[in-house]
Amino acid sequence: MTLAEFEKKVATDSNSSLRASRIWTKVVLDCLADAIATEDIVALYGFGTFEHIARKPKVGRNAKTGERIEIPAKMALKFIPCRKIKDSI
């Protein structure tokens, strides 16, 4: 589902205008992005939890040459869906 499709679905499901749906979708996604950027754990009841995790550095291999390469440590985003979503998948 694209952002445009999501906005249309929100407008349809809430019986509101597409313009209002776009505004509210942008506000919600901006708030979510800000919370995630500050490394907070964002728990949305009935949807899931977003949190930052630290990935350790590791050694990988170049698929073409087989050469060993160092993969640096990095921060990643982890999403844990709620039980309702897990059960529906």
C-alpha atoms as a PDB file:
ATOM      1  CA  MET A   1       0.000   0.000   0.000  1.00  0.00           C
ATOM      2  CA  THR A   2       1.388   3.384  -0.963  1.00  0.00           C
ATOM      3  CA  LEU A   3       0.994   6.581   1.037  1.00  0.00           C
ATOM      4  CA  ALA A   4      -1.602   7.878  -1.435  1.00  0.00           C
ATOM      5  CA  GLU A   5      -3.628   4.661  -1.126  1.00  0.00           C
ATOM      6  CA  PHE A   6      -3.374   4.863   2.663  1.00  0.00           C
ATOM      7  CA  GLU A   7      -4.617   8.462   2.668  1.00  0.00           C
ATOM      8  CA  LYS A   8      -7.582   7.525   0.452  1.00  0.00           C
ATOM      9  CA  LYS A   9      -8.470   4.612   2.741  1.00  0.00           C
ATOM     10  CA  VAL A  10      -8.315   6.847   5.819  1.00  0.00           C
ATOM     11  CA  ALA A  11     -10.569   9.393   4.104  1.00  0.00           C
ATOM     12  CA  THR A  12     -13.057   6.708   3.094  1.00  0.00           C
ATOM     13  CA  ASP A  13     -13.094   4.930   6.456  1.00  0.00           C
ATOM     14  CA  SER A  14     -13.482   8.162   8.438  1.00  0.00           C
ATOM     15  CA  ASN A  15     -15.964   9.841   6.078  1.00  0.00           C
ATOM     16  CA  SER A  16     -13.686  12.873   5.794  1.00  0.00           C
ATOM     17  CA  SER A  17     -12.162  14.745   2.896  1.00  0.00           C
ATOM     18  CA  LEU A  18      -8.992  13.589   1.204  1.00  0.00           C
ATOM     19  CA  ARG A  19      -7.357  16.897   2.138  1.00  0.00           C
ATOM     20  CA  ALA A  20      -8.085  16.380   5.841  1.00  0.00           C
ATOM     21  CA  SER A  21      -6.886  12.796   5.588  1.00  0.00           C
ATOM     22  CA  ARG A  22      -3.589  13.937   4.050  1.00  0.00           C
ATOM     23  CA  ILE A  23      -3.048  16.514   6.796  1.00  0.00           C
ATOM     24  CA  TRP A  24      -3.734  14.072   9.637  1.00  0.00           C
ATOM     25  CA  THR A  25      -1.681  11.315   8.041  1.00  0.00           C
ATOM     26  CA  LYS A  26       1.273  13.683   7.686  1.00  0.00           C
ATOM     27  CA  VAL A  27       0.945  14.869  11.286  1.00  0.00           C
ATOM     28  CA  VAL A  28       0.790  11.319  12.662  1.00  0.00           C
ATOM     29  CA  LEU A  29       3.730  10.100  10.568  1.00  0.00           C
ATOM     30  CA  ASP A  30       5.823  13.173  11.480  1.00  0.00           C
ATOM     31  CA  CYS A  31       5.140  12.617  15.188  1.00  0.00           C
ATOM     32  CA  LEU A  32       6.056   8.952  14.841  1.00  0.00           C
ATOM     33  CA  ALA A  33       9.276   9.805  12.975  1.00  0.00           C
ATOM     34  CA  ASP A  34      10.244  12.401  15.601  1.00  0.00           C
ATOM     35  CA  ALA A  35       9.706   9.934  18.442  1.00  0.00           C
ATOM     36  CA  ILE A  36      11.701   7.248  16.663  1.00  0.00           C
ATOM     37  CA  ALA A  37      14.505   9.703  15.841  1.00  0.00           C
ATOM     38  CA  THR A  38      14.955  10.551  19.514  1.00  0.00           C
ATOM     39  CA  GLU A  39      15.423   6.843  20.234  1.00  0.00           C
ATOM     40  CA  ASP A  40      12.304   6.548  22.321  1.00  0.00           C
ATOM     41  CA  ILE A  41      10.406   3.310  22.371  1.00  0.00           C
ATOM     42  CA  VAL A  42       7.118   4.027  20.634  1.00  0.00           C
ATOM     43  CA  ALA A  43       4.369   1.626  21.745  1.00  0.00           C
ATOM     44  CA  LEU A  44       1.077   1.941  19.904  1.00  0.00           C
ATOM     45  CA  TYR A  45      -1.539  -0.188  21.613  1.00  0.00           C
ATOM     46  CA  GLY A  46      -3.302  -2.405  19.084  1.00  0.00           C
ATOM     47  CA  PHE A  47      -0.605  -1.885  16.443  1.00  0.00           C
ATOM     48  CA  GLY A  48       2.914  -2.585  17.692  1.00  0.00           C
ATOM     49  CA  THR A  49       6.148  -1.240  19.118  1.00  0.00           C
ATOM     50  CA  PHE A  50       9.000   0.586  17.400  1.00  0.00           C
ATOM     51  CA  GLU A  51      12.420   0.680  19.040  1.00  0.00           C
ATOM     52  CA  HIS A  52      16.060   1.330  18.207  1.00  0.00           C
ATOM     53  CA  ILE A  53      18.519  -1.539  18.391  1.00  0.00           C
ATOM     54  CA  ALA A  54      22.296  -1.490  18.057  1.00  0.00           C
ATOM     55  CA  ARG A  55      23.729  -3.905  15.513  1.00  0.00           C
ATOM     56  CA  LYS A  56      27.236  -5.185  16.250  1.00  0.00           C
ATOM     57  CA  PRO A  57      30.002  -4.961  13.657  1.00  0.00           C
ATOM     58  CA  LYS A  58      30.481  -8.193  11.732  1.00  0.00           C
ATOM     59  CA  VAL A  59      32.478  -9.778   8.965  1.00  0.00           C
ATOM     60  CA  GLY A  60      30.777 -10.465   5.636  1.00  0.00           C
ATOM     61  CA  ARG A  61      31.822 -11.688   2.226  1.00  0.00           C
ATOM     62  CA  ASN A  62      31.719 -10.029  -1.172  1.00  0.00           C
ATOM     63  CA  ALA A  63      29.424 -12.248  -3.256  1.00  0.00           C
ATOM     64  CA  LYS A  64      31.452 -11.778  -6.464  1.00  0.00           C
ATOM     65  CA  THR A  65      35.004 -12.173  -5.177  1.00  0.00           C
ATOM     66  CA  GLY A  66      34.538 -14.027  -1.894  1.00  0.00           C
ATOM     67  CA  GLU A  67      36.669 -11.349  -0.238  1.00  0.00           C
ATOM     68  CA  ARG A  68      36.066 -10.697   3.474  1.00  0.00           C
ATOM     69  CA  ILE A  69      34.658  -7.272   4.272  1.00  0.00           C
ATOM     70  CA  GLU A  70      34.021  -5.539   7.569  1.00  0.00           C
ATOM     71  CA  ILE A  71      30.428  -4.478   8.124  1.00  0.00           C
ATOM     72  CA  PRO A  72      30.394  -1.583  10.630  1.00  0.00           C
ATOM     73  CA  ALA A  73      28.165  -1.295  13.681  1.00  0.00           C
ATOM     74  CA  LYS A  74      24.954   0.643  13.143  1.00  0.00           C
ATOM     75  CA  MET A  75      21.641   1.556  14.668  1.00  0.00           C
ATOM     76  CA  ALA A  76      18.543  -0.122  13.239  1.00  0.00           C
ATOM     77  CA  LEU A  77      14.812   0.126  13.763  1.00  0.00           C
ATOM     78  CA  LYS A  78      12.905  -2.845  15.107  1.00  0.00           C
ATOM     79  CA  PHE A  79       9.142  -3.242  14.825  1.00  0.00           C
ATOM     80  CA  ILE A  80       7.277  -5.757  16.957  1.00  0.00           C
ATOM     81  CA  PRO A  81       3.661  -6.134  15.818  1.00  0.00           C
ATOM     82  CA  CYS A  82       0.882  -6.627  18.339  1.00  0.00           C
ATOM     83  CA  ARG A  83      -0.588 -10.089  18.849  1.00  0.00           C
ATOM     84  CA  LYS A  84      -3.661  -9.296  16.726  1.00  0.00           C
ATOM     85  CA  ILE A  85      -1.468  -8.475  13.723  1.00  0.00           C
ATOM     86  CA  LYS A  86       0.788 -11.485  14.332  1.00  0.00           C
ATOM     87  CA  ASP A  87      -2.211 -13.792  14.450  1.00  0.00           C
ATOM     88  CA  SER A  88      -3.681 -12.362  11.231  1.00  0.00           C
ATOM     89  CA  ILE A  89      -0.443 -12.984   9.330  1.00  0.00           C
END
